[in-house]
PDB file of N, CA and C in Angstrom:
ATOM      1  N   MET A   1       6.001  -5.818  -4.777  1.00  0.00           N
ATOM      2  CA  MET A   1       5.766  -6.570  -5.984  1.00  0.00           C
ATOM      3  C   MET A   1       5.038  -5.702  -6.997  1.00  0.00           C
ATOM      4  N   GLN A   2       5.585  -5.529  -8.150  1.00  0.00           N
ATOM      5  CA  GLN A   2       4.992  -4.739  -9.220  1.00  0.00           C
ATOM      6  C   GLN A   2       3.945  -5.566  -9.953  1.00  0.00           C
ATOM      7  N   LYS A   3       2.765  -4.990 -10.110  1.00  0.00           N
ATOM      8  CA  LYS A   3       1.715  -5.683 -10.848  1.00  0.00           C
ATOM      9  C   LYS A   3       1.822  -5.300 -12.313  1.00  0.00           C
ATOM     10  N   SER A   4       1.662  -6.266 -13.190  1.00  0.00           N
ATOM     11  CA  SER A   4       1.746  -5.953 -14.613  1.00  0.00           C
ATOM     12  C   SER A   4       0.346  -5.746 -15.175  1.00  0.00           C
ATOM     13  N   PHE A   5       0.223  -4.726 -15.980  1.00  0.00           N
ATOM     14  CA  PHE A   5      -1.060  -4.369 -16.574  1.00  0.00           C
ATOM     15  C   PHE A   5      -1.447  -5.307 -17.704  1.00  0.00           C
ATOM     16  N   ILE A   6      -2.740  -5.466 -17.861  1.00  0.00           N
ATOM     17  CA  ILE A   6      -3.322  -6.181 -18.983  1.00  0.00           C
ATOM     18  C   ILE A   6      -3.981  -5.125 -19.861  1.00  0.00           C
ATOM     19  N   LYS A   7      -3.744  -5.206 -21.151  1.00  0.00           N
ATOM     20  CA  LYS A   7      -4.294  -4.249 -22.099  1.00  0.00           C
ATOM     21  C   LYS A   7      -5.680  -4.719 -22.558  1.00  0.00           C
ATOM     22  N   ILE A   8      -6.661  -3.809 -22.518  1.00  0.00           N
ATOM     23  CA  ILE A   8      -8.031  -4.124 -22.933  1.00  0.00           C
ATOM     24  C   ILE A   8      -8.414  -3.205 -24.085  1.00  0.00           C
ATOM     25  N   ASP A   9      -8.834  -3.777 -25.194  1.00  0.00           N
ATOM     26  CA  ASP A   9      -9.296  -2.979 -26.319  1.00  0.00           C
ATOM     27  C   ASP A   9     -10.550  -2.229 -25.870  1.00  0.00           C
ATOM     28  N   SER A  10     -10.558  -0.912 -26.011  1.00  0.00           N
ATOM     29  CA  SER A  10     -11.685  -0.112 -25.517  1.00  0.00           C
ATOM     30  C   SER A  10     -12.993  -0.460 -26.224  1.00  0.00           C
ATOM     31  N   ARG A  11     -12.921  -1.001 -27.429  1.00  0.00           N
ATOM     32  CA  ARG A  11     -14.149  -1.396 -28.144  1.00  0.00           C
ATOM     33  C   ARG A  11     -14.807  -2.605 -27.500  1.00  0.00           C
ATOM     34  N   SER A  12     -14.075  -3.333 -26.652  1.00  0.00           N
ATOM     35  CA  SER A  12     -14.652  -4.509 -26.000  1.00  0.00           C
ATOM     36  C   SER A  12     -15.395  -4.157 -24.704  1.00  0.00           C
ATOM     37  N   ILE A  13     -15.286  -2.906 -24.258  1.00  0.00           N
ATOM     38  CA  ILE A  13     -15.978  -2.491 -23.038  1.00  0.00           C
ATOM     39  C   ILE A  13     -17.463  -2.308 -23.341  1.00  0.00           C
ATOM     40  N   LYS A  14     -18.284  -3.016 -22.596  1.00  0.00           N
ATOM     41  CA  LYS A  14     -19.740  -2.971 -22.770  1.00  0.00           C
ATOM     42  C   LYS A  14     -20.383  -2.514 -21.462  1.00  0.00           C
ATOM     43  N   GLU A  15     -21.567  -1.965 -21.569  1.00  0.00           N
ATOM     44  CA  GLU A  15     -22.313  -1.524 -20.405  1.00  0.00           C
ATOM     45  C   GLU A  15     -22.531  -2.712 -19.462  1.00  0.00           C
ATOM     46  N   GLY A  16     -22.284  -2.501 -18.177  1.00  0.00           N
ATOM     47  CA  GLY A  16     -22.479  -3.544 -17.171  1.00  0.00           C
ATOM     48  C   GLY A  16     -21.219  -4.325 -16.824  1.00  0.00           C
ATOM     49  N   MET A  17     -20.154  -4.189 -17.615  1.00  0.00           N
ATOM     50  CA  MET A  17     -18.905  -4.913 -17.315  1.00  0.00           C
ATOM     51  C   MET A  17     -18.299  -4.386 -16.020  1.00  0.00           C
ATOM     52  N   ARG A  18     -17.733  -5.316 -15.232  1.00  0.00           N
ATOM     53  CA  ARG A  18     -17.048  -4.966 -13.994  1.00  0.00           C
ATOM     54  C   ARG A  18     -15.705  -5.686 -13.963  1.00  0.00           C
ATOM     55  N   PHE A  19     -14.759  -5.125 -13.198  1.00  0.00           N
ATOM     56  CA  PHE A  19     -13.422  -5.707 -13.115  1.00  0.00           C
ATOM     57  C   PHE A  19     -12.999  -5.855 -11.661  1.00  0.00           C
ATOM     58  N   SER A  20     -12.104  -6.815 -11.412  1.00  0.00           N
ATOM     59  CA  SER A  20     -11.642  -7.119 -10.053  1.00  0.00           C
ATOM     60  C   SER A  20     -10.599  -6.143  -9.543  1.00  0.00           C
ATOM     61  N   ALA A  21     -10.175  -5.216 -10.385  1.00  0.00           N
ATOM     62  CA  ALA A  21      -9.195  -4.199 -10.013  1.00  0.00           C
ATOM     63  C   ALA A  21      -9.552  -2.928 -10.782  1.00  0.00           C
ATOM     64  N   PRO A  22      -9.032  -1.786 -10.359  1.00  0.00           N
ATOM     65  CA  PRO A  22      -9.325  -0.560 -11.099  1.00  0.00           C
ATOM     66  C   PRO A  22      -8.892  -0.660 -12.560  1.00  0.00           C
ATOM     67  N   VAL A  23      -9.605   0.061 -13.413  1.00  0.00           N
ATOM     68  CA  VAL A  23      -9.271   0.119 -14.838  1.00  0.00           C
ATOM     69  C   VAL A  23      -8.781   1.536 -15.117  1.00  0.00           C
ATOM     70  N   PHE A  24      -7.642   1.632 -15.795  1.00  0.00           N
ATOM     71  CA  PHE A  24      -7.021   2.924 -16.062  1.00  0.00           C
ATOM     72  C   PHE A  24      -7.065   3.261 -17.551  1.00  0.00           C
ATOM     73  N   PHE A  25      -7.008   4.567 -17.832  1.00  0.00           N
ATOM     74  CA  PHE A  25      -6.880   5.001 -19.220  1.00  0.00           C
ATOM     75  C   PHE A  25      -5.537   4.516 -19.759  1.00  0.00           C
ATOM     76  N   ASP A  26      -5.297   4.731 -21.037  1.00  0.00           N
ATOM     77  CA  ASP A  26      -4.091   4.234 -21.694  1.00  0.00           C
ATOM     78  C   ASP A  26      -2.793   4.825 -21.146  1.00  0.00           C
ATOM     79  N   ASP A  27      -2.886   5.865 -20.295  1.00  0.00           N
ATOM     80  CA  ASP A  27      -1.673   6.416 -19.688  1.00  0.00           C
ATOM     81  C   ASP A  27      -1.213   5.615 -18.474  1.00  0.00           C
ATOM     82  N   GLY A  28      -2.074   4.725 -17.967  1.00  0.00           N
ATOM     83  CA  GLY A  28      -1.724   3.891 -16.822  1.00  0.00           C
ATOM     84  C   GLY A  28      -1.762   4.613 -15.492  1.00  0.00           C
ATOM     85  N   THR A  29      -2.177   5.881 -15.480  1.00  0.00           N
ATOM     86  CA  THR A  29      -2.197   6.675 -14.263  1.00  0.00           C
ATOM     87  C   THR A  29      -3.613   7.083 -13.866  1.00  0.00           C
ATOM     88  N   ASN A  30      -4.358   7.602 -14.814  1.00  0.00           N
ATOM     89  CA  ASN A  30      -5.703   8.112 -14.538  1.00  0.00           C
ATOM     90  C   ASN A  30      -6.731   6.993 -14.598  1.00  0.00           C
ATOM     91  N   MET A  31      -7.549   6.894 -13.525  1.00  0.00           N
ATOM     92  CA  MET A  31      -8.509   5.811 -13.420  1.00  0.00           C
ATOM     93  C   MET A  31      -9.749   6.081 -14.269  1.00  0.00           C
ATOM     94  N   PHE A  32     -10.162   5.063 -14.989  1.00  0.00           N
ATOM     95  CA  PHE A  32     -11.375   5.100 -15.795  1.00  0.00           C
ATOM     96  C   PHE A  32     -12.552   4.531 -15.020  1.00  0.00           C
ATOM     97  N   LEU A  33     -12.329   3.418 -14.319  1.00  0.00           N
ATOM     98  CA  LEU A  33     -13.403   2.716 -13.628  1.00  0.00           C
ATOM     99  C   LEU A  33     -12.848   2.097 -12.348  1.00  0.00           C
ATOM    100  N   ALA A  34     -13.552   2.297 -11.244  1.00  0.00           N
ATOM    101  CA  ALA A  34     -13.101   1.747  -9.962  1.00  0.00           C
ATOM    102  C   ALA A  34     -13.352   0.237  -9.896  1.00  0.00           C
ATOM    103  N   GLU A  35     -12.622  -0.413  -9.034  1.00  0.00           N
ATOM    104  CA  GLU A  35     -12.776  -1.858  -8.828  1.00  0.00           C
ATOM    105  C   GLU A  35     -14.216  -2.204  -8.467  1.00  0.00           C
ATOM    106  N   GLY A  36     -14.793  -3.165  -9.181  1.00  0.00           N
ATOM    107  CA  GLY A  36     -16.128  -3.647  -8.877  1.00  0.00           C
ATOM    108  C   GLY A  36     -17.280  -2.787  -9.370  1.00  0.00           C
ATOM    109  N   LYS A  37     -16.997  -1.618  -9.919  1.00  0.00           N
ATOM    110  CA  LYS A  37     -18.053  -0.729 -10.414  1.00  0.00           C
ATOM    111  C   LYS A  37     -18.394  -1.070 -11.855  1.00  0.00           C
ATOM    112  N   ALA A  38     -19.677  -1.102 -12.168  1.00  0.00           N
ATOM    113  CA  ALA A  38     -20.129  -1.455 -13.516  1.00  0.00           C
ATOM    114  C   ALA A  38     -19.977  -0.274 -14.467  1.00  0.00           C
ATOM    115  N   ALA A  39     -19.564  -0.569 -15.689  1.00  0.00           N
ATOM    116  CA  ALA A  39     -19.479   0.453 -16.736  1.00  0.00           C
ATOM    117  C   ALA A  39     -20.897   0.876 -17.115  1.00  0.00           C
ATOM    118  N   LYS A  40     -21.099   2.164 -17.225  1.00  0.00           N
ATOM    119  CA  LYS A  40     -22.395   2.729 -17.613  1.00  0.00           C
ATOM    120  C   LYS A  40     -22.328   3.151 -19.077  1.00  0.00           C
ATOM    121  N   ALA A  41     -23.479   3.498 -19.620  1.00  0.00           N
ATOM    122  CA  ALA A  41     -23.551   3.927 -21.020  1.00  0.00           C
ATOM    123  C   ALA A  41     -22.654   5.132 -21.267  1.00  0.00           C
ATOM    124  N   TYR A  42     -22.575   6.048 -20.307  1.00  0.00           N
ATOM    125  CA  TYR A  42     -21.733   7.232 -20.499  1.00  0.00           C
ATOM    126  C   TYR A  42     -20.242   6.891 -20.495  1.00  0.00           C
ATOM    127  N   HIS A  43     -19.843   5.815 -19.818  1.00  0.00           N
ATOM    128  CA  HIS A  43     -18.442   5.373 -19.876  1.00  0.00           C
ATOM    129  C   HIS A  43     -18.091   4.914 -21.291  1.00  0.00           C
ATOM    130  N   VAL A  44     -18.968   4.086 -21.851  1.00  0.00           N
ATOM    131  CA  VAL A  44     -18.751   3.554 -23.198  1.00  0.00           C
ATOM    132  C   VAL A  44     -18.735   4.701 -24.211  1.00  0.00           C
ATOM    133  N   ALA A  45     -19.662   5.650 -24.059  1.00  0.00           N
ATOM    134  CA  ALA A  45     -19.728   6.798 -24.970  1.00  0.00           C
ATOM    135  C   ALA A  45     -18.469   7.660 -24.878  1.00  0.00           C
ATOM    136  N   ALA A  46     -17.943   7.820 -23.670  1.00  0.00           N
ATOM    137  CA  ALA A  46     -16.733   8.630 -23.488  1.00  0.00           C
ATOM    138  C   ALA A  46     -15.539   8.005 -24.197  1.00  0.00           C
ATOM    139  N   LEU A  47     -15.417   6.692 -24.136  1.00  0.00           N
ATOM    140  CA  LEU A  47     -14.305   6.013 -24.816  1.00  0.00           C
ATOM    141  C   LEU A  47     -14.345   6.288 -26.323  1.00  0.00           C
ATOM    142  N   LYS A  48     -15.542   6.245 -26.888  1.00  0.00           N
ATOM    143  CA  LYS A  48     -15.693   6.508 -28.324  1.00  0.00           C
ATOM    144  C   LYS A  48     -15.426   7.975 -28.637  1.00  0.00           C
ATOM    145  N   ARG A  49     -16.011   8.857 -27.845  1.00  0.00           N
ATOM    146  CA  ARG A  49     -15.880  10.298 -28.086  1.00  0.00           C
ATOM    147  C   ARG A  49     -14.427  10.754 -27.975  1.00  0.00           C
ATOM    148  N   TRP A  50     -13.693  10.216 -27.013  1.00  0.00           N
ATOM    149  CA  TRP A  50     -12.315  10.630 -26.782  1.00  0.00           C
ATOM    150  C   TRP A  50     -11.301   9.794 -27.565  1.00  0.00           C
ATOM    151  N   ASN A  51     -11.778   8.851 -28.369  1.00  0.00           N
ATOM    152  CA  ASN A  51     -10.896   7.997 -29.183  1.00  0.00           C
ATOM    153  C   ASN A  51      -9.813   7.305 -28.353  1.00  0.00           C
ATOM    154  N   ILE A  52     -10.230   6.699 -27.253  1.00  0.00           N
ATOM    155  CA  ILE A  52      -9.300   5.962 -26.383  1.00  0.00           C
ATOM    156  C   ILE A  52      -9.089   4.587 -27.012  1.00  0.00           C
ATOM    157  N   PRO A  53      -7.853   4.260 -27.418  1.00  0.00           N
ATOM    158  CA  PRO A  53      -7.624   2.980 -28.106  1.00  0.00           C
ATOM    159  C   PRO A  53      -7.662   1.761 -27.179  1.00  0.00           C
ATOM    160  N   PHE A  54      -7.182   1.917 -25.948  1.00  0.00           N
ATOM    161  CA  PHE A  54      -7.158   0.783 -25.021  1.00  0.00           C
ATOM    162  C   PHE A  54      -7.182   1.273 -23.590  1.00  0.00           C
ATOM    163  N   LEU A  55      -7.506   0.354 -22.680  1.00  0.00           N
ATOM    164  CA  LEU A  55      -7.497   0.604 -21.242  1.00  0.00           C
ATOM    165  C   LEU A  55      -6.530  -0.388 -20.606  1.00  0.00           C
ATOM    166  N   LEU A  56      -6.170  -0.134 -19.354  1.00  0.00           N
ATOM    167  CA  LEU A  56      -5.233  -0.996 -18.636  1.00  0.00           C
ATOM    168  C   LEU A  56      -5.806  -1.411 -17.292  1.00  0.00           C
ATOM    169  N   THR A  57      -5.585  -2.659 -16.906  1.00  0.00           N
ATOM    170  CA  THR A  57      -5.957  -3.143 -15.584  1.00  0.00           C
ATOM    171  C   THR A  57      -5.010  -4.271 -15.188  1.00  0.00           C
ATOM    172  N   TYR A  58      -4.914  -4.540 -13.900  1.00  0.00           N
ATOM    173  CA  TYR A  58      -4.158  -5.707 -13.446  1.00  0.00           C
ATOM    174  C   TYR A  58      -5.121  -6.739 -12.870  1.00  0.00           C
ATOM    175  N   GLY A  59      -6.421  -6.530 -13.112  1.00  0.00           N
ATOM    176  CA  GLY A  59      -7.446  -7.466 -12.657  1.00  0.00           C
ATOM    177  C   GLY A  59      -8.014  -8.258 -13.812  1.00  0.00           C
ATOM    178  N   HIS A  60      -9.239  -8.726 -13.624  1.00  0.00           N
ATOM    179  CA  HIS A  60      -9.945  -9.487 -14.653  1.00  0.00           C
ATOM    180  C   HIS A  60     -11.417  -9.103 -14.611  1.00  0.00           C
ATOM    181  N   GLU A  61     -12.150  -9.443 -15.646  1.00  0.00           N
ATOM    182  CA  GLU A  61     -13.570  -9.144 -15.665  1.00  0.00           C
ATOM    183  C   GLU A  61     -14.283  -9.988 -14.615  1.00  0.00           C
ATOM    184  N   VAL A  62     -15.180  -9.369 -13.884  1.00  0.00           N
ATOM    185  CA  VAL A  62     -15.957 -10.050 -12.854  1.00  0.00           C
ATOM    186  C   VAL A  62     -17.308 -10.412 -13.452  1.00  0.00           C
ATOM    187  N   THR A  63     -17.700 -11.669 -13.277  1.00  0.00           N
ATOM    188  CA  THR A  63     -18.996 -12.126 -13.770  1.00  0.00           C
ATOM    189  C   THR A  63     -19.926 -12.370 -12.593  1.00  0.00           C
ATOM    190  N   ASP A  64     -21.208 -12.579 -12.873  1.00  0.00           N
ATOM    191  CA  ASP A  64     -22.191 -12.832 -11.821  1.00  0.00           C
ATOM    192  C   ASP A  64     -21.856 -14.082 -11.028  1.00  0.00           C
ATOM    193  N   SER A  65     -21.265 -15.081 -11.669  1.00  0.00           N
ATOM    194  CA  SER A  65     -20.916 -16.313 -10.960  1.00  0.00           C
ATOM    195  C   SER A  65     -19.805 -16.069  -9.941  1.00  0.00           C
ATOM    196  N   ASP A  66     -18.964 -15.053 -10.169  1.00  0.00           N
ATOM    197  CA  ASP A  66     -17.917 -14.694  -9.197  1.00  0.00           C
ATOM    198  C   ASP A  66     -18.535 -14.154  -7.911  1.00  0.00           C
ATOM    199  N   ASP A  67     -19.665 -13.437  -8.034  1.00  0.00           N
ATOM    200  CA  ASP A  67     -20.325 -12.844  -6.879  1.00  0.00           C
ATOM    201  C   ASP A  67     -20.941 -13.895  -5.961  1.00  0.00           C
ATOM    202  N   GLN A  68     -21.293 -15.047  -6.492  1.00  0.00           N
ATOM    203  CA  GLN A  68     -21.969 -16.075  -5.715  1.00  0.00           C
ATOM    204  C   GLN A  68     -20.993 -17.138  -5.217  1.00  0.00           C
ATOM    205  N   ALA A  69     -19.745 -16.791  -5.070  1.00  0.00           N
ATOM    206  CA  ALA A  69     -18.708 -17.750  -4.724  1.00  0.00           C
ATOM    207  C   ALA A  69     -18.928 -18.423  -3.371  1.00  0.00           C
ATOM    208  N   ALA A  70     -19.164 -17.623  -2.331  1.00  0.00           N
ATOM    209  CA  ALA A  70     -19.316 -18.218  -1.005  1.00  0.00           C
ATOM    210  C   ALA A  70     -20.422 -17.503  -0.240  1.00  0.00           C
ATOM    211  N   PRO A  71     -21.259 -18.260   0.433  1.00  0.00           N
ATOM    212  CA  PRO A  71     -22.325 -17.615   1.215  1.00  0.00           C
ATOM    213  C   PRO A  71     -21.741 -16.932   2.449  1.00  0.00           C
ATOM    214  N   VAL A  72     -22.413 -15.900   2.888  1.00  0.00           N
ATOM    215  CA  VAL A  72     -21.970 -15.179   4.088  1.00  0.00           C
ATOM    216  C   VAL A  72     -22.415 -15.977   5.303  1.00  0.00           C
ATOM    217  N   GLU A  73     -21.489 -16.184   6.225  1.00  0.00           N
ATOM    218  CA  GLU A  73     -21.852 -16.940   7.414  1.00  0.00           C
ATOM    219  C   GLU A  73     -22.609 -16.053   8.390  1.00  0.00           C
ATOM    220  N   GLU A  74     -23.494 -16.660   9.162  1.00  0.00           N
ATOM    221  CA  GLU A  74     -24.269 -15.905  10.119  1.00  0.00           C
ATOM    222  C   GLU A  74     -23.385 -15.529  11.299  1.00  0.00           C
ATOM    223  N   LEU A  75     -23.476 -14.281  11.745  1.00  0.00           N
ATOM    224  CA  LEU A  75     -22.646 -13.774  12.836  1.00  0.00           C
ATOM    225  C   LEU A  75     -23.452 -13.675  14.113  1.00  0.00           C
ATOM    226  N   GLU A  76     -22.739 -13.727  15.225  1.00  0.00           N
ATOM    227  CA  GLU A  76     -23.403 -13.584  16.520  1.00  0.00           C
ATOM    228  C   GLU A  76     -23.740 -12.122  16.748  1.00  0.00           C
ATOM    229  N   PRO A  77     -24.873 -11.832  17.385  1.00  0.00           N
ATOM    230  CA  PRO A  77     -25.216 -10.419  17.687  1.00  0.00           C
ATOM    231  C   PRO A  77     -24.228  -9.850  18.701  1.00  0.00           C
ATOM    232  N   LEU A  78     -23.961  -8.554  18.583  1.00  0.00           N
ATOM    233  CA  LEU A  78     -23.052  -7.880  19.513  1.00  0.00           C
ATOM    234  C   LEU A  78     -23.773  -7.525  20.800  1.00  0.00           C
ATOM    235  N   GLU A  79     -23.038  -7.579  21.887  1.00  0.00           N
ATOM    236  CA  GLU A  79     -23.602  -7.116  23.153  1.00  0.00           C
ATOM    237  C   GLU A  79     -23.526  -5.602  23.183  1.00  0.00           C
ATOM    238  N   GLU A  80     -24.371  -4.985  23.988  1.00  0.00           N
ATOM    239  CA  GLU A  80     -24.320  -3.526  24.093  1.00  0.00           C
ATOM    240  C   GLU A  80     -23.006  -3.106  24.691  1.00  0.00           C
ATOM    241  N   LEU A  81     -22.548  -1.941  24.291  1.00  0.00           N
ATOM    242  CA  LEU A  81     -21.283  -1.405  24.824  1.00  0.00           C
ATOM    243  C   LEU A  81     -21.487  -0.759  26.155  1.00  0.00           C
TER     244      LEU A  81
END
């Protein structure tokens, strides 16, 4: 199944933004930001310096409320091997 990219205006990228899938440069091949990793100030500066008009992803922006979706269940301790 081929995933279709969503185009993101590079001016909308702000420090701290995260995405549910990798974000690629406008060529669709080279990765700009890994899945779940927050954009840093140097990422935003690079987009401006390199005049990147848009980025591509097949995910969506991840918010803090997405992280708190489900609590982790308690697991049983492992026996020694």
